[in-house]
Amino acid sequence: MESAGIPGLDTRVAHISRIYNYWLGGKDNFAVDREAAERAPAAEPSIALAARANRAFLGRAVRFLAAEAGILQFLDVGAGIPTADNTHQVAQRMAPQARVVYADNDPIVLAHARALLTSTPEGETSYVDADARDTATILRGAAGTLDFSQPVAVTLLMVLHCIPDQDGPGEIVSRLMDAVPPGSYLALSHPAKDIKVQTGQVATRRLNDLMGPAQIRPRTRAGIERFFDGLELLPPGIVQPPRWRPELGGPGRPGDVPAYRGVARKT
């Protein structure tokens, strides 16, 4: 893809969504993204596995929310570059009338908005161009598609590690969950700082060396658990990706993936 046709795109520094795209076998990435994507797994191979495990977790979580929990509205913050089985595809496969809003501020994601906007005739899909920290813009834009008087599943999958502590990642979660009614859900995934500690630190440093100011920040299980404060965590709690309800499909082997996932309900 030529960068000249995408305003705001800087191909001189790596971007985490394009690195994930490379790990998932996509083609929407540049030389600097591929360099970072290859350098990090050289230090810790499971870091690339975490991207694929996150995609599998998305499928299992959305299937559970749409088919078992009866959720028909989804707000996917930090959607990333579309690949196979995006949130709306999984949700509308379970419930064709499901409505899905994506939010992201990556220029490449914006360029792919039309692909994200495809929907079943019964459902609806839309896109909000906004940084995850700008929850007011996200909620205002989502209100054109979602009914916030009815339960909503908020998904924050591998996005909060891009938010430094001083920018209040916990407050982002709180503002989003305060906007949805009881019976809503939060599905969240995050890289782990306390799994594969030594090699994980090297892999993270190699990624950050090529990412300019947009650094990634793995967190401990305790730090990630705080994002669920005030919510009812569903079994099996906060676990590594393949351990979250493997019976719903996807890789079931435990593995030692350096990340945590969880789904919780607002009561």
Protein backbone atom coordinates (compact mmCIF):
# COMPACT_ATOMS: atom_id res chain seq x y z
CA MET A 1 0.00 0.00 0.00
CA GLU A 2 1.33 3.44 -0.90
CA SER A 3 1.42 5.86 2.02
CA ALA A 4 0.94 8.94 -0.19
CA GLY A 5 -2.79 8.34 -0.46
CA ILE A 6 -3.37 8.12 3.32
CA PRO A 7 -3.16 11.45 5.16
CA GLY A 8 -1.45 11.28 8.55
CA LEU A 9 0.36 8.01 7.84
CA ASP A 10 4.03 7.97 8.88
CA THR A 11 5.85 4.94 7.51
CA ARG A 12 9.13 5.91 9.18
CA VAL A 13 8.04 4.49 12.54
CA ALA A 14 6.38 1.19 13.34
CA HIS A 15 2.75 1.12 14.45
CA ILE A 16 1.38 -1.60 16.71
CA SER A 17 -1.74 -2.24 14.61
CA ARG A 18 0.41 -2.81 11.51
CA ILE A 19 2.77 -5.06 13.51
CA TYR A 20 -0.24 -7.13 14.62
CA ASN A 21 -1.43 -7.17 11.03
CA TYR A 22 1.91 -8.70 9.98
CA TRP A 23 1.76 -11.29 12.79
CA LEU A 24 -1.75 -12.24 11.65
CA GLY A 25 -0.58 -12.75 8.09
CA GLY A 26 -1.92 -9.46 6.71
CA LYS A 27 -0.40 -7.25 4.03
CA ASP A 28 -1.20 -3.78 5.41
CA ASN A 29 2.22 -3.09 6.88
CA PHE A 30 5.50 -1.46 5.92
CA ALA A 31 9.19 -2.32 6.14
CA VAL A 32 9.62 -0.75 9.58
CA ASP A 33 6.59 -2.69 10.90
CA ARG A 34 7.95 -5.95 9.53
CA GLU A 35 11.37 -5.25 11.06
CA ALA A 36 9.82 -4.69 14.48
CA ALA A 37 7.55 -7.70 14.05
CA GLU A 38 10.54 -9.92 13.31
CA ARG A 39 12.89 -8.47 15.94
CA ALA A 40 10.59 -8.94 18.92
CA PRO A 41 9.82 -12.68 18.45
CA ALA A 42 13.51 -13.31 17.98
CA ALA A 43 13.82 -12.46 21.68
CA GLU A 44 10.54 -14.06 22.78
CA PRO A 45 8.68 -16.16 20.16
CA SER A 46 5.42 -16.23 22.14
CA ILE A 47 4.91 -12.48 21.68
CA ALA A 48 3.76 -13.10 18.10
CA LEU A 49 1.63 -16.00 19.30
CA ALA A 50 -0.14 -13.54 21.62
CA ALA A 51 -1.50 -11.65 18.61
CA ARG A 52 -3.01 -14.81 17.15
CA ALA A 53 -4.30 -15.87 20.56
CA ASN A 54 -5.95 -12.46 20.92
CA ARG A 55 -7.78 -12.93 17.61
CA ALA A 56 -8.99 -16.34 18.78
CA PHE A 57 -10.11 -14.83 22.10
CA LEU A 58 -12.07 -12.15 20.24
CA GLY A 59 -13.98 -14.87 18.43
CA ARG A 60 -14.76 -16.86 21.58
CA ALA A 61 -15.73 -13.80 23.62
CA VAL A 62 -18.00 -12.32 20.95
CA ARG A 63 -19.62 -15.69 20.30
CA PHE A 64 -20.33 -16.03 24.01
CA LEU A 65 -21.69 -12.49 24.31
CA ALA A 66 -23.95 -12.71 21.26
CA ALA A 67 -25.10 -16.33 21.52
CA GLU A 68 -25.20 -16.97 25.28
CA ALA A 69 -25.39 -13.58 26.99
CA GLY A 70 -27.85 -12.18 24.43
CA ILE A 71 -25.86 -9.02 23.71
CA LEU A 72 -26.86 -7.39 20.42
CA GLN A 73 -24.70 -4.24 20.65
CA PHE A 74 -20.91 -4.02 20.54
CA LEU A 75 -18.50 -1.10 20.92
CA ASP A 76 -15.04 -2.19 19.74
CA VAL A 77 -12.47 0.40 20.86
CA GLY A 78 -9.05 0.12 19.22
CA ALA A 79 -10.43 -2.02 16.43
CA GLY A 80 -7.19 -2.33 14.46
CA ILE A 81 -6.77 -3.25 10.81
CA PRO A 82 -9.55 -5.59 9.68
CA THR A 83 -8.66 -9.21 9.07
CA ALA A 84 -10.81 -12.36 9.06
CA ASP A 85 -13.56 -12.69 11.65
CA ASN A 86 -13.88 -9.12 12.87
CA THR A 87 -16.27 -8.33 15.72
CA HIS A 88 -19.25 -7.58 13.48
CA GLN A 89 -18.75 -10.74 11.45
CA VAL A 90 -18.67 -12.98 14.52
CA ALA A 91 -21.54 -11.17 16.27
CA GLN A 92 -23.80 -11.06 13.21
CA ARG A 93 -23.10 -14.72 12.49
CA MET A 94 -24.61 -15.46 15.90
CA ALA A 95 -27.27 -12.71 15.79
CA PRO A 96 -27.82 -11.10 12.36
CA GLN A 97 -29.51 -8.08 13.96
CA ALA A 98 -26.44 -7.18 16.03
CA ARG A 99 -25.14 -3.61 15.81
CA VAL A 100 -21.42 -2.91 16.02
CA VAL A 101 -19.43 0.32 16.29
CA TYR A 102 -15.67 0.35 15.73
CA ALA A 103 -13.43 3.13 17.06
CA ASP A 104 -9.80 3.70 16.08
CA ASN A 105 -7.52 6.54 15.03
CA ASP A 106 -5.01 4.68 12.84
CA PRO A 107 -5.03 6.18 9.30
CA ILE A 108 -4.85 2.71 7.75
CA VAL A 109 -7.88 1.57 9.77
CA LEU A 110 -9.74 4.66 8.58
CA ALA A 111 -8.77 3.81 5.00
CA HIS A 112 -10.33 0.38 5.53
CA ALA A 113 -13.52 1.78 7.10
CA ARG A 114 -15.63 0.62 4.16
CA ALA A 115 -14.55 -2.93 4.77
CA LEU A 116 -15.50 -2.56 8.43
CA LEU A 117 -18.87 -1.05 7.55
CA THR A 118 -20.23 -4.12 5.78
CA SER A 119 -23.16 -5.55 7.67
CA THR A 120 -26.00 -8.02 7.48
CA PRO A 121 -29.27 -6.51 6.20
CA GLU A 122 -30.76 -6.93 9.68
CA GLY A 123 -27.85 -5.40 11.58
CA GLU A 124 -25.74 -2.27 11.41
CA THR A 125 -22.03 -1.48 11.52
CA SER A 126 -20.35 1.93 11.81
CA TYR A 127 -16.97 3.50 12.52
CA VAL A 128 -15.79 6.37 14.73
CA ASP A 129 -12.43 8.00 13.98
CA ALA A 130 -11.15 8.71 17.49
CA ASP A 131 -8.31 7.97 19.88
CA ALA A 132 -9.19 5.57 22.71
CA ARG A 133 -8.54 8.41 25.18
CA ASP A 134 -11.24 10.54 23.58
CA THR A 135 -14.15 8.66 25.08
CA ALA A 136 -16.53 11.62 24.64
CA THR A 137 -16.09 11.52 20.85
CA ILE A 138 -16.36 7.72 20.80
CA LEU A 139 -19.58 7.67 22.82
CA ARG A 140 -21.10 10.56 20.90
CA GLY A 141 -20.33 8.89 17.57
CA ALA A 142 -21.48 5.46 18.75
CA ALA A 143 -24.82 6.85 19.88
CA GLY A 144 -25.85 7.14 16.25
CA THR A 145 -25.81 3.33 16.00
CA LEU A 146 -26.12 1.99 19.54
CA ASP A 147 -28.96 2.44 22.04
CA PHE A 148 -27.21 3.16 25.33
CA SER A 149 -30.38 2.40 27.30
CA GLN A 150 -29.84 -1.27 26.34
CA PRO A 151 -26.85 -3.51 27.21
CA VAL A 152 -23.65 -3.02 25.23
CA ALA A 153 -20.50 -5.15 25.10
CA VAL A 154 -17.44 -2.90 25.25
CA THR A 155 -14.31 -4.57 23.86
CA LEU A 156 -10.81 -3.26 24.59
CA LEU A 157 -8.62 -5.90 23.03
CA MET A 158 -4.87 -5.27 23.08
CA VAL A 159 -5.28 -1.49 23.12
CA LEU A 160 -4.73 -0.23 26.69
CA HIS A 161 -1.04 -1.16 26.57
CA CYS A 162 -0.71 1.77 24.15
CA ILE A 163 -2.00 4.16 26.86
CA PRO A 164 0.60 5.38 29.40
CA ASP A 165 -0.34 5.45 33.07
CA GLN A 166 -0.36 9.25 33.11
CA ASP A 167 -3.15 9.23 30.52
CA GLY A 168 -5.38 7.20 32.81
CA PRO A 169 -6.15 3.88 31.10
CA GLY A 170 -8.32 2.91 34.05
CA GLU A 171 -10.33 6.11 33.67
CA ILE A 172 -10.91 5.26 30.00
CA VAL A 173 -12.47 1.96 31.03
CA SER A 174 -14.55 3.64 33.75
CA ARG A 175 -15.91 6.32 31.41
CA LEU A 176 -16.92 3.75 28.82
CA MET A 177 -18.56 1.44 31.35
CA ASP A 178 -20.30 4.33 33.12
CA ALA A 179 -21.99 5.12 29.79
CA VAL A 180 -23.57 1.67 29.41
CA PRO A 181 -26.43 0.23 31.53
CA PRO A 182 -26.40 -2.74 33.91
CA GLY A 183 -26.30 -6.00 32.01
CA SER A 184 -23.51 -4.68 29.78
CA TYR A 185 -20.15 -6.43 29.48
CA LEU A 186 -16.45 -5.60 29.22
CA ALA A 187 -14.10 -7.86 27.26
CA LEU A 188 -10.47 -6.85 27.73
CA SER A 189 -7.06 -8.23 26.77
CA HIS A 190 -3.62 -6.88 27.61
CA PRO A 191 0.05 -7.95 27.29
CA ALA A 192 1.55 -9.31 30.50
CA LYS A 193 4.60 -7.90 32.24
CA ASP A 194 4.92 -10.83 34.65
CA ILE A 195 5.03 -13.74 32.17
CA LYS A 196 8.27 -14.51 30.33
CA VAL A 197 9.70 -11.56 32.24
CA GLN A 198 13.31 -11.34 31.02
CA THR A 199 12.77 -12.25 27.37
CA GLY A 200 9.53 -10.27 27.33
CA GLN A 201 11.37 -7.12 28.40
CA VAL A 202 13.85 -7.55 25.55
CA ALA A 203 11.05 -8.14 23.03
CA THR A 204 9.15 -5.06 24.25
CA ARG A 205 12.26 -2.91 24.03
CA ARG A 206 12.90 -4.08 20.47
CA LEU A 207 9.36 -3.11 19.49
CA ASN A 208 9.53 0.26 21.21
CA ASP A 209 12.88 1.10 19.61
CA LEU A 210 11.09 1.33 16.25
CA MET A 211 7.79 2.80 17.40
CA GLY A 212 8.68 6.41 18.15
CA PRO A 213 6.61 8.04 20.91
CA ALA A 214 3.77 5.48 20.68
CA GLN A 215 5.32 2.99 23.10
CA ILE A 216 3.71 -0.20 24.36
CA ARG A 217 3.49 -0.95 28.08
CA PRO A 218 2.82 -4.50 29.30
CA ARG A 219 1.31 -4.62 32.79
CA THR A 220 1.14 -7.13 35.62
CA ARG A 221 -1.89 -9.27 36.32
CA ALA A 222 -2.68 -7.10 39.35
CA GLY A 223 -2.52 -3.96 37.21
CA ILE A 224 -4.81 -5.48 34.59
CA GLU A 225 -7.23 -6.72 37.24
CA ARG A 226 -7.84 -3.10 38.31
CA PHE A 227 -9.42 -2.40 34.93
CA PHE A 228 -12.29 -4.65 36.04
CA ASP A 229 -12.95 -2.83 39.31
CA GLY A 230 -16.68 -2.63 40.08
CA LEU A 231 -17.56 -5.32 37.54
CA GLU A 232 -18.43 -9.00 38.01
CA LEU A 233 -15.71 -11.12 36.43
CA LEU A 234 -17.01 -14.21 34.68
CA PRO A 235 -15.32 -17.58 35.16
CA PRO A 236 -12.49 -18.42 34.63
CA GLY A 237 -11.49 -14.85 35.59
CA ILE A 238 -8.34 -13.15 34.31
CA VAL A 239 -6.31 -15.80 32.54
CA GLN A 240 -3.93 -16.33 29.65
CA PRO A 241 -5.77 -16.26 26.31
CA PRO A 242 -6.08 -19.96 25.46
CA ARG A 243 -7.42 -20.67 28.97
CA TRP A 244 -10.50 -18.46 28.51
CA ARG A 245 -13.38 -20.85 27.68
CA PRO A 246 -11.53 -22.96 25.11
CA GLU A 247 -14.70 -25.02 24.67
CA LEU A 248 -16.06 -22.11 22.62
CA GLY A 249 -13.55 -22.86 19.86
CA GLY A 250 -10.06 -21.75 18.93
CA PRO A 251 -6.73 -22.97 20.34
CA GLY A 252 -7.36 -24.83 23.57
CA ARG A 253 -3.84 -25.69 24.67
CA PRO A 254 -2.79 -23.61 27.70
CA GLY A 255 0.54 -22.42 26.34
CA ASP A 256 2.56 -19.71 28.04
CA VAL A 257 1.23 -16.72 26.09
CA PRO A 258 2.44 -13.45 27.71
CA ALA A 259 -0.98 -11.82 28.00
CA TYR A 260 -4.14 -11.80 30.09
CA ARG A 261 -7.82 -11.79 29.11
CA GLY A 262 -11.09 -11.44 30.93
CA VAL A 263 -14.80 -10.77 30.46
CA ALA A 264 -16.90 -9.07 33.13
CA ARG A 265 -20.52 -8.00 33.58
CA LYS A 266 -21.83 -4.69 34.86
CA THR A 267 -24.41 -5.40 37.55
